[in-house]
């Protein structure tokens, strides 16, 4: 699976660090990695870091992703239910 680990040190003196894992359906080229890392680190002060392929997603990151996507599904279900109710109220089938 093409998972990538984005990591950087940032802030004055680089005292803070961040890392996050991203999935790509296809392997990313060097330029795509640079662009993606630039977009990811854009809001951080003086970022220094890299993008590296992740051989395996760490369990904590995996659990976080599972909960995130379960929450997304729940949100969509609530949204779909609301939309269906509004269509009924508007007399549409």
N, C-alpha and C. Protein backbone atom coordinates (compact mmCIF):
# COMPACT_ATOMS: atom_id res chain seq x y z
N UNK A 1 0.85 -1.18 0.00
CA UNK A 1 0.00 0.00 0.00
C UNK A 1 0.89 1.24 0.00
N UNK A 2 0.61 2.20 -0.86
CA UNK A 2 1.46 3.39 -0.91
C UNK A 2 1.11 4.45 0.14
N UNK A 3 1.54 4.20 1.36
CA UNK A 3 1.41 5.18 2.43
C UNK A 3 2.67 6.02 2.47
N UNK A 4 2.51 7.29 2.80
CA UNK A 4 3.65 8.18 2.92
C UNK A 4 3.62 8.87 4.27
N UNK A 5 4.80 9.03 4.86
CA UNK A 5 4.93 9.72 6.13
C UNK A 5 5.47 11.12 5.85
N UNK A 6 4.68 12.13 6.21
CA UNK A 6 5.08 13.52 6.10
C UNK A 6 5.56 13.93 7.50
N UNK A 7 6.75 14.48 7.58
CA UNK A 7 7.25 14.90 8.89
C UNK A 7 8.02 16.19 8.76
N UNK A 8 8.03 16.98 9.84
CA UNK A 8 8.82 18.21 9.84
C UNK A 8 9.06 18.70 11.25
N UNK A 9 10.14 19.45 11.37
CA UNK A 9 10.45 20.24 12.57
C UNK A 9 10.05 21.66 12.19
N UNK A 10 9.46 22.41 13.11
CA UNK A 10 9.01 23.76 12.76
C UNK A 10 8.98 24.64 13.98
N UNK A 11 8.76 25.91 13.73
CA UNK A 11 8.71 26.91 14.78
C UNK A 11 10.06 27.55 14.99
N UNK A 12 10.11 28.61 15.79
CA UNK A 12 11.39 29.27 16.07
C UNK A 12 12.36 28.27 16.70
N UNK A 13 13.48 28.08 16.09
CA UNK A 13 14.45 27.12 16.61
C UNK A 13 14.06 25.68 16.35
N UNK A 14 13.00 25.46 15.61
CA UNK A 14 12.51 24.12 15.27
C UNK A 14 12.22 23.27 16.52
N UNK A 15 11.59 23.88 17.51
CA UNK A 15 11.30 23.15 18.75
C UNK A 15 10.06 22.26 18.66
N UNK A 16 9.26 22.43 17.62
CA UNK A 16 8.06 21.61 17.46
C UNK A 16 8.24 20.61 16.33
N UNK A 17 7.51 19.51 16.42
CA UNK A 17 7.57 18.54 15.34
C UNK A 17 6.16 18.05 15.03
N UNK A 18 5.97 17.67 13.77
CA UNK A 18 4.69 17.16 13.31
C UNK A 18 4.94 16.00 12.37
N UNK A 19 4.01 15.06 12.39
CA UNK A 19 4.06 13.98 11.42
C UNK A 19 2.64 13.52 11.14
N UNK A 20 2.44 13.07 9.92
CA UNK A 20 1.13 12.59 9.52
C UNK A 20 1.33 11.60 8.39
N UNK A 21 0.40 10.67 8.27
CA UNK A 21 0.48 9.65 7.22
C UNK A 21 -0.61 9.90 6.20
N UNK A 22 -0.24 9.77 4.93
CA UNK A 22 -1.16 9.97 3.83
C UNK A 22 -1.11 8.78 2.89
N UNK A 23 -2.24 8.51 2.27
CA UNK A 23 -2.35 7.41 1.32
C UNK A 23 -2.45 7.98 -0.08
N UNK A 24 -1.80 7.34 -1.01
CA UNK A 24 -1.89 7.72 -2.43
C UNK A 24 -2.23 6.46 -3.21
N UNK A 25 -3.17 6.57 -4.13
CA UNK A 25 -3.57 5.41 -4.93
C UNK A 25 -2.45 4.94 -5.85
N UNK A 26 -1.58 5.86 -6.22
CA UNK A 26 -0.44 5.51 -7.08
C UNK A 26 0.83 6.06 -6.46
N UNK A 27 1.97 5.47 -6.74
CA UNK A 27 3.22 6.00 -6.19
C UNK A 27 3.43 7.45 -6.65
N UNK A 28 3.91 8.28 -5.74
CA UNK A 28 4.12 9.69 -6.03
C UNK A 28 5.51 9.91 -6.60
N UNK A 29 5.60 10.81 -7.59
CA UNK A 29 6.90 11.19 -8.13
C UNK A 29 7.59 12.13 -7.15
N UNK A 30 8.84 12.40 -7.38
CA UNK A 30 9.58 13.31 -6.51
C UNK A 30 8.91 14.69 -6.47
N UNK A 31 8.51 15.19 -7.63
CA UNK A 31 7.86 16.49 -7.70
C UNK A 31 6.52 16.49 -6.96
N UNK A 32 5.76 15.42 -7.10
CA UNK A 32 4.47 15.32 -6.39
C UNK A 32 4.69 15.29 -4.88
N UNK A 33 5.73 14.59 -4.43
CA UNK A 33 6.05 14.56 -3.00
C UNK A 33 6.40 15.95 -2.51
N UNK A 34 7.24 16.66 -3.27
CA UNK A 34 7.63 18.02 -2.88
C UNK A 34 6.43 18.95 -2.81
N UNK A 35 5.55 18.87 -3.81
CA UNK A 35 4.35 19.72 -3.83
C UNK A 35 3.42 19.38 -2.66
N UNK A 36 3.22 18.08 -2.42
CA UNK A 36 2.33 17.66 -1.33
C UNK A 36 2.89 18.08 0.02
N UNK A 37 4.21 17.92 0.21
CA UNK A 37 4.81 18.31 1.48
C UNK A 37 4.72 19.82 1.67
N UNK A 38 4.94 20.57 0.58
CA UNK A 38 4.84 22.03 0.67
C UNK A 38 3.45 22.48 1.08
N UNK A 39 2.42 21.85 0.51
CA UNK A 39 1.05 22.19 0.87
C UNK A 39 0.75 21.80 2.31
N UNK A 40 1.23 20.63 2.74
CA UNK A 40 0.99 20.15 4.10
C UNK A 40 1.68 21.04 5.14
N UNK A 41 2.89 21.49 4.85
CA UNK A 41 3.67 22.24 5.83
C UNK A 41 3.50 23.76 5.70
N UNK A 42 2.64 24.21 4.80
CA UNK A 42 2.50 25.64 4.50
C UNK A 42 2.16 26.50 5.72
N UNK A 43 1.36 26.03 6.64
CA UNK A 43 0.96 26.83 7.79
C UNK A 43 1.93 26.81 8.95
N UNK A 44 3.01 26.09 8.80
CA UNK A 44 3.98 25.96 9.89
C UNK A 44 5.11 26.96 9.71
N UNK A 45 5.64 27.43 10.83
CA UNK A 45 6.71 28.42 10.80
C UNK A 45 8.07 27.75 10.62
N UNK A 46 8.82 28.12 9.62
CA UNK A 46 10.16 27.60 9.31
C UNK A 46 10.19 26.07 9.25
N UNK A 47 9.35 25.44 8.41
CA UNK A 47 9.34 23.98 8.38
C UNK A 47 10.58 23.39 7.70
N UNK A 48 11.08 22.32 8.28
CA UNK A 48 12.18 21.55 7.70
C UNK A 48 11.78 20.10 7.84
N UNK A 49 11.69 19.37 6.73
CA UNK A 49 11.27 17.98 6.83
C UNK A 49 11.30 17.26 5.51
N UNK A 50 10.51 16.18 5.44
CA UNK A 50 10.53 15.35 4.25
C UNK A 50 9.28 14.50 4.14
N UNK A 51 9.17 13.84 2.99
CA UNK A 51 8.14 12.84 2.74
C UNK A 51 8.88 11.54 2.48
N UNK A 52 8.47 10.49 3.15
CA UNK A 52 9.13 9.19 2.97
C UNK A 52 8.06 8.10 2.86
N UNK A 53 8.30 7.10 2.03
CA UNK A 53 7.35 5.99 1.97
C UNK A 53 7.31 5.29 3.33
N UNK A 54 6.13 4.90 3.74
CA UNK A 54 5.98 4.19 5.01
C UNK A 54 5.74 2.72 4.70
N UNK A 55 6.60 1.88 5.19
CA UNK A 55 6.45 0.44 4.93
C UNK A 55 5.19 -0.11 5.58
N UNK A 56 4.88 0.42 6.75
CA UNK A 56 3.70 -0.04 7.48
C UNK A 56 3.14 1.15 8.24
N UNK A 57 1.83 1.24 8.27
CA UNK A 57 1.17 2.30 9.02
C UNK A 57 1.23 1.95 10.50
N UNK A 58 1.77 2.85 11.35
CA UNK A 58 1.80 2.56 12.79
C UNK A 58 0.40 2.35 13.35
N UNK A 59 0.28 1.53 14.36
CA UNK A 59 -1.02 1.16 14.92
C UNK A 59 -1.81 2.39 15.38
N UNK A 60 -1.14 3.36 16.01
CA UNK A 60 -1.84 4.56 16.47
C UNK A 60 -2.41 5.35 15.29
N UNK A 61 -1.63 5.49 14.22
CA UNK A 61 -2.10 6.20 13.03
C UNK A 61 -3.22 5.42 12.36
N UNK A 62 -3.10 4.10 12.33
CA UNK A 62 -4.14 3.25 11.74
C UNK A 62 -5.45 3.40 12.50
N UNK A 63 -5.39 3.34 13.83
CA UNK A 63 -6.59 3.50 14.66
C UNK A 63 -7.22 4.86 14.46
N UNK A 64 -6.38 5.89 14.39
CA UNK A 64 -6.87 7.25 14.16
C UNK A 64 -7.60 7.35 12.82
N UNK A 65 -7.04 6.76 11.79
CA UNK A 65 -7.67 6.77 10.47
C UNK A 65 -8.99 6.02 10.47
N UNK A 66 -9.04 4.88 11.14
CA UNK A 66 -10.28 4.10 11.22
C UNK A 66 -11.37 4.94 11.87
N UNK A 67 -11.06 5.57 12.99
CA UNK A 67 -12.05 6.40 13.68
C UNK A 67 -12.47 7.59 12.83
N UNK A 68 -11.52 8.19 12.13
CA UNK A 68 -11.83 9.32 11.25
C UNK A 68 -12.83 8.91 10.18
N UNK A 69 -12.57 7.79 9.51
CA UNK A 69 -13.45 7.37 8.43
C UNK A 69 -14.79 6.87 8.95
N UNK A 70 -14.83 6.27 10.12
CA UNK A 70 -16.12 5.89 10.72
C UNK A 70 -16.95 7.13 11.02
N UNK A 71 -16.28 8.17 11.52
CA UNK A 71 -16.96 9.43 11.80
C UNK A 71 -17.48 10.07 10.51
N UNK A 72 -16.68 10.01 9.45
CA UNK A 72 -17.11 10.54 8.15
C UNK A 72 -18.35 9.82 7.66
N UNK A 73 -18.36 8.49 7.76
CA UNK A 73 -19.51 7.71 7.32
C UNK A 73 -20.74 8.10 8.13
N UNK A 74 -20.59 8.24 9.44
CA UNK A 74 -21.71 8.63 10.29
C UNK A 74 -22.24 10.00 9.87
N UNK A 75 -21.34 10.93 9.59
CA UNK A 75 -21.75 12.27 9.15
C UNK A 75 -22.51 12.23 7.84
N UNK A 76 -22.02 11.41 6.91
CA UNK A 76 -22.70 11.30 5.62
C UNK A 76 -24.08 10.67 5.79
N UNK A 77 -24.18 9.67 6.66
CA UNK A 77 -25.48 9.04 6.88
C UNK A 77 -26.48 10.05 7.44
N UNK A 78 -26.03 10.86 8.40
CA UNK A 78 -26.90 11.89 8.97
C UNK A 78 -27.30 12.89 7.88
N UNK A 79 -26.33 13.27 7.05
CA UNK A 79 -26.60 14.20 5.97
C UNK A 79 -27.57 13.62 4.94
N UNK A 80 -27.40 12.38 4.59
CA UNK A 80 -28.28 11.72 3.62
C UNK A 80 -29.70 11.62 4.20
N UNK A 81 -29.79 11.25 5.47
CA UNK A 81 -31.10 11.14 6.12
C UNK A 81 -31.81 12.49 6.10
N UNK A 82 -31.07 13.56 6.40
CA UNK A 82 -31.65 14.90 6.39
C UNK A 82 -32.10 15.27 4.98
N UNK A 83 -31.28 14.99 3.98
CA UNK A 83 -31.63 15.32 2.59
C UNK A 83 -32.87 14.57 2.15
N UNK A 84 -32.95 13.29 2.51
CA UNK A 84 -34.14 12.51 2.15
C UNK A 84 -35.39 13.09 2.80
N UNK A 85 -35.28 13.48 4.08
CA UNK A 85 -36.42 14.06 4.78
C UNK A 85 -36.84 15.38 4.12
N UNK A 86 -35.88 16.18 3.70
CA UNK A 86 -36.21 17.44 3.05
C UNK A 86 -36.86 17.21 1.70
N UNK A 87 -36.40 16.19 0.96
CA UNK A 87 -37.03 15.87 -0.32
C UNK A 87 -38.49 15.46 -0.12
N UNK A 88 -38.75 14.69 0.92
CA UNK A 88 -40.13 14.28 1.22
C UNK A 88 -40.97 15.51 1.56
N UNK A 89 -40.41 16.41 2.39
CA UNK A 89 -41.14 17.63 2.77
C UNK A 89 -41.42 18.51 1.56
N UNK A 90 -40.53 18.48 0.59
CA UNK A 90 -40.71 19.29 -0.61
C UNK A 90 -41.58 18.60 -1.66
N UNK A 91 -42.01 17.37 -1.35
CA UNK A 91 -42.90 16.65 -2.26
C UNK A 91 -42.19 15.99 -3.42
N UNK A 92 -40.91 15.80 -3.31
CA UNK A 92 -40.16 15.12 -4.38
C UNK A 92 -40.00 13.66 -4.01
N UNK A 93 -39.98 12.81 -5.03
CA UNK A 93 -39.80 11.38 -4.77
C UNK A 93 -38.50 10.92 -5.33
